[in-house]
């Protein structure tokens, strides 16, 4: 069915968002600073957001937020460091 194929194609499109300028951002294996650091993003990175989860509240360049962005399998960054253009959720909630 053509309509179904278009819907599947649209779901496969993932937007990327800029990390705050000149910030080397820690990527963690869960939604909080108590989780381990998996890697560090280089300055001026862009990240995909596959889903978002509530977690530890963090203050960063884009305000204070308890939203954590899932940017890869088991990898999270604080939304306070990602310019999404919103103070709320811009993706579906992650199932943790």
C-alpha atoms as a PDB file:
ATOM      1  CA  UNK A   1       0.000   0.000   0.000  1.00  0.00           C
ATOM      2  CA  UNK A   2       1.499   3.321  -1.055  1.00  0.00           C
ATOM      3  CA  UNK A   3       0.183   5.216   1.973  1.00  0.00           C
ATOM      4  CA  UNK A   4       1.845   2.747   4.370  1.00  0.00           C
ATOM      5  CA  UNK A   5       5.161   3.011   2.549  1.00  0.00           C
ATOM      6  CA  UNK A   6       5.147   6.809   2.868  1.00  0.00           C
ATOM      7  CA  UNK A   7       4.390   6.602   6.586  1.00  0.00           C
ATOM      8  CA  UNK A   8       7.282   4.176   7.123  1.00  0.00           C
ATOM      9  CA  UNK A   9       9.654   6.440   5.194  1.00  0.00           C
ATOM     10  CA  UNK A  10       8.606   9.476   7.256  1.00  0.00           C
ATOM     11  CA  UNK A  11       9.198   7.593  10.529  1.00  0.00           C
ATOM     12  CA  UNK A  12      12.759   6.793   9.415  1.00  0.00           C
ATOM     13  CA  UNK A  13      13.693  10.502   9.201  1.00  0.00           C
ATOM     14  CA  UNK A  14      15.571  11.568  12.335  1.00  0.00           C
ATOM     15  CA  UNK A  15      16.265  15.253  12.953  1.00  0.00           C
ATOM     16  CA  UNK A  16      19.543  16.384  14.472  1.00  0.00           C
ATOM     17  CA  UNK A  17      19.939  19.236  16.929  1.00  0.00           C
ATOM     18  CA  UNK A  18      22.994  21.381  17.780  1.00  0.00           C
ATOM     19  CA  UNK A  19      24.799  20.998  21.084  1.00  0.00           C
ATOM     20  CA  UNK A  20      25.611  24.324  22.780  1.00  0.00           C
ATOM     21  CA  UNK A  21      28.537  26.068  21.016  1.00  0.00           C
ATOM     22  CA  UNK A  22      32.046  25.276  22.229  1.00  0.00           C
ATOM     23  CA  UNK A  23      30.828  22.599  24.672  1.00  0.00           C
ATOM     24  CA  UNK A  24      32.403  19.141  24.927  1.00  0.00           C
ATOM     25  CA  UNK A  25      29.368  17.230  26.177  1.00  0.00           C
ATOM     26  CA  UNK A  26      29.484  14.069  28.297  1.00  0.00           C
ATOM     27  CA  UNK A  27      27.361  11.230  26.947  1.00  0.00           C
ATOM     28  CA  UNK A  28      26.095   8.963  29.738  1.00  0.00           C
ATOM     29  CA  UNK A  29      24.564   5.496  29.845  1.00  0.00           C
ATOM     30  CA  UNK A  30      21.436   6.770  31.628  1.00  0.00           C
ATOM     31  CA  UNK A  31      19.439   9.947  32.335  1.00  0.00           C
ATOM     32  CA  UNK A  32      21.571  11.510  35.075  1.00  0.00           C
ATOM     33  CA  UNK A  33      25.083  12.522  36.084  1.00  0.00           C
ATOM     34  CA  UNK A  34      25.377   9.472  38.367  1.00  0.00           C
ATOM     35  CA  UNK A  35      25.444   7.280  35.255  1.00  0.00           C
ATOM     36  CA  UNK A  36      28.788   6.453  33.676  1.00  0.00           C
ATOM     37  CA  UNK A  37      30.323   8.490  30.860  1.00  0.00           C
ATOM     38  CA  UNK A  38      30.253   6.505  27.609  1.00  0.00           C
ATOM     39  CA  UNK A  39      32.035   9.104  25.459  1.00  0.00           C
ATOM     40  CA  UNK A  40      32.480  12.865  25.081  1.00  0.00           C
ATOM     41  CA  UNK A  41      31.064  14.727  22.100  1.00  0.00           C
ATOM     42  CA  UNK A  42      33.435  17.181  20.420  1.00  0.00           C
ATOM     43  CA  UNK A  43      32.684  20.905  20.374  1.00  0.00           C
ATOM     44  CA  UNK A  44      29.967  22.090  17.980  1.00  0.00           C
ATOM     45  CA  UNK A  45      28.388  18.631  17.567  1.00  0.00           C
ATOM     46  CA  UNK A  46      24.884  17.839  16.346  1.00  0.00           C
ATOM     47  CA  UNK A  47      22.911  14.961  17.831  1.00  0.00           C
ATOM     48  CA  UNK A  48      19.883  12.930  16.787  1.00  0.00           C
ATOM     49  CA  UNK A  49      17.139  12.495  19.379  1.00  0.00           C
ATOM     50  CA  UNK A  50      15.520   9.066  19.142  1.00  0.00           C
ATOM     51  CA  UNK A  51      13.482   9.447  22.335  1.00  0.00           C
ATOM     52  CA  UNK A  52      13.596  11.417  25.596  1.00  0.00           C
ATOM     53  CA  UNK A  53      13.467  10.371  29.248  1.00  0.00           C
ATOM     54  CA  UNK A  54      12.892  12.196  32.526  1.00  0.00           C
ATOM     55  CA  UNK A  55      15.877  12.116  34.851  1.00  0.00           C
ATOM     56  CA  UNK A  56      18.156  14.265  36.957  1.00  0.00           C
ATOM     57  CA  UNK A  57      17.566  18.017  36.703  1.00  0.00           C
ATOM     58  CA  UNK A  58      20.517  19.809  35.116  1.00  0.00           C
ATOM     59  CA  UNK A  59      21.182  23.487  34.410  1.00  0.00           C
ATOM     60  CA  UNK A  60      22.991  24.312  31.178  1.00  0.00           C
ATOM     61  CA  UNK A  61      23.203  26.928  28.429  1.00  0.00           C
ATOM     62  CA  UNK A  62      19.567  26.315  27.410  1.00  0.00           C
ATOM     63  CA  UNK A  63      18.035  26.485  30.879  1.00  0.00           C
ATOM     64  CA  UNK A  64      17.211  23.969  33.575  1.00  0.00           C
ATOM     65  CA  UNK A  65      15.679  20.663  32.545  1.00  0.00           C
ATOM     66  CA  UNK A  66      15.097  17.135  33.761  1.00  0.00           C
ATOM     67  CA  UNK A  67      14.756  15.884  30.168  1.00  0.00           C
ATOM     68  CA  UNK A  68      17.513  13.617  28.834  1.00  0.00           C
ATOM     69  CA  UNK A  69      17.915  12.960  25.110  1.00  0.00           C
ATOM     70  CA  UNK A  70      18.647   9.448  23.860  1.00  0.00           C
ATOM     71  CA  UNK A  71      21.174   9.959  21.048  1.00  0.00           C
ATOM     72  CA  UNK A  72      22.140   6.312  20.485  1.00  0.00           C
ATOM     73  CA  UNK A  73      21.489   2.920  22.045  1.00  0.00           C
ATOM     74  CA  UNK A  74      22.011   3.431  25.798  1.00  0.00           C
ATOM     75  CA  UNK A  75      23.481   6.924  25.332  1.00  0.00           C
ATOM     76  CA  UNK A  76      21.961  10.057  26.896  1.00  0.00           C
ATOM     77  CA  UNK A  77      22.783  13.767  27.067  1.00  0.00           C
ATOM     78  CA  UNK A  78      21.065  16.464  29.112  1.00  0.00           C
ATOM     79  CA  UNK A  79      18.533  18.434  27.072  1.00  0.00           C
ATOM     80  CA  UNK A  80      19.795  21.586  28.837  1.00  0.00           C
ATOM     81  CA  UNK A  81      22.802  21.389  26.485  1.00  0.00           C
ATOM     82  CA  UNK A  82      20.894  20.679  23.255  1.00  0.00           C
ATOM     83  CA  UNK A  83      19.121  23.424  21.294  1.00  0.00           C
ATOM     84  CA  UNK A  84      15.752  21.861  20.448  1.00  0.00           C
ATOM     85  CA  UNK A  85      13.808  25.126  20.350  1.00  0.00           C
ATOM     86  CA  UNK A  86      11.532  23.883  23.133  1.00  0.00           C
ATOM     87  CA  UNK A  87      11.515  23.595  26.919  1.00  0.00           C
ATOM     88  CA  UNK A  88       9.467  20.404  26.631  1.00  0.00           C
ATOM     89  CA  UNK A  89       9.635  17.072  24.889  1.00  0.00           C
ATOM     90  CA  UNK A  90      10.334  17.101  21.146  1.00  0.00           C
ATOM     91  CA  UNK A  91      10.412  13.301  20.761  1.00  0.00           C
ATOM     92  CA  UNK A  92       8.540  10.357  22.231  1.00  0.00           C
ATOM     93  CA  UNK A  93       9.348   9.136  25.752  1.00  0.00           C
ATOM     94  CA  UNK A  94      11.937   6.385  26.024  1.00  0.00           C
ATOM     95  CA  UNK A  95      10.902   3.115  27.601  1.00  0.00           C
ATOM     96  CA  UNK A  96      13.663   2.586  30.166  1.00  0.00           C
END
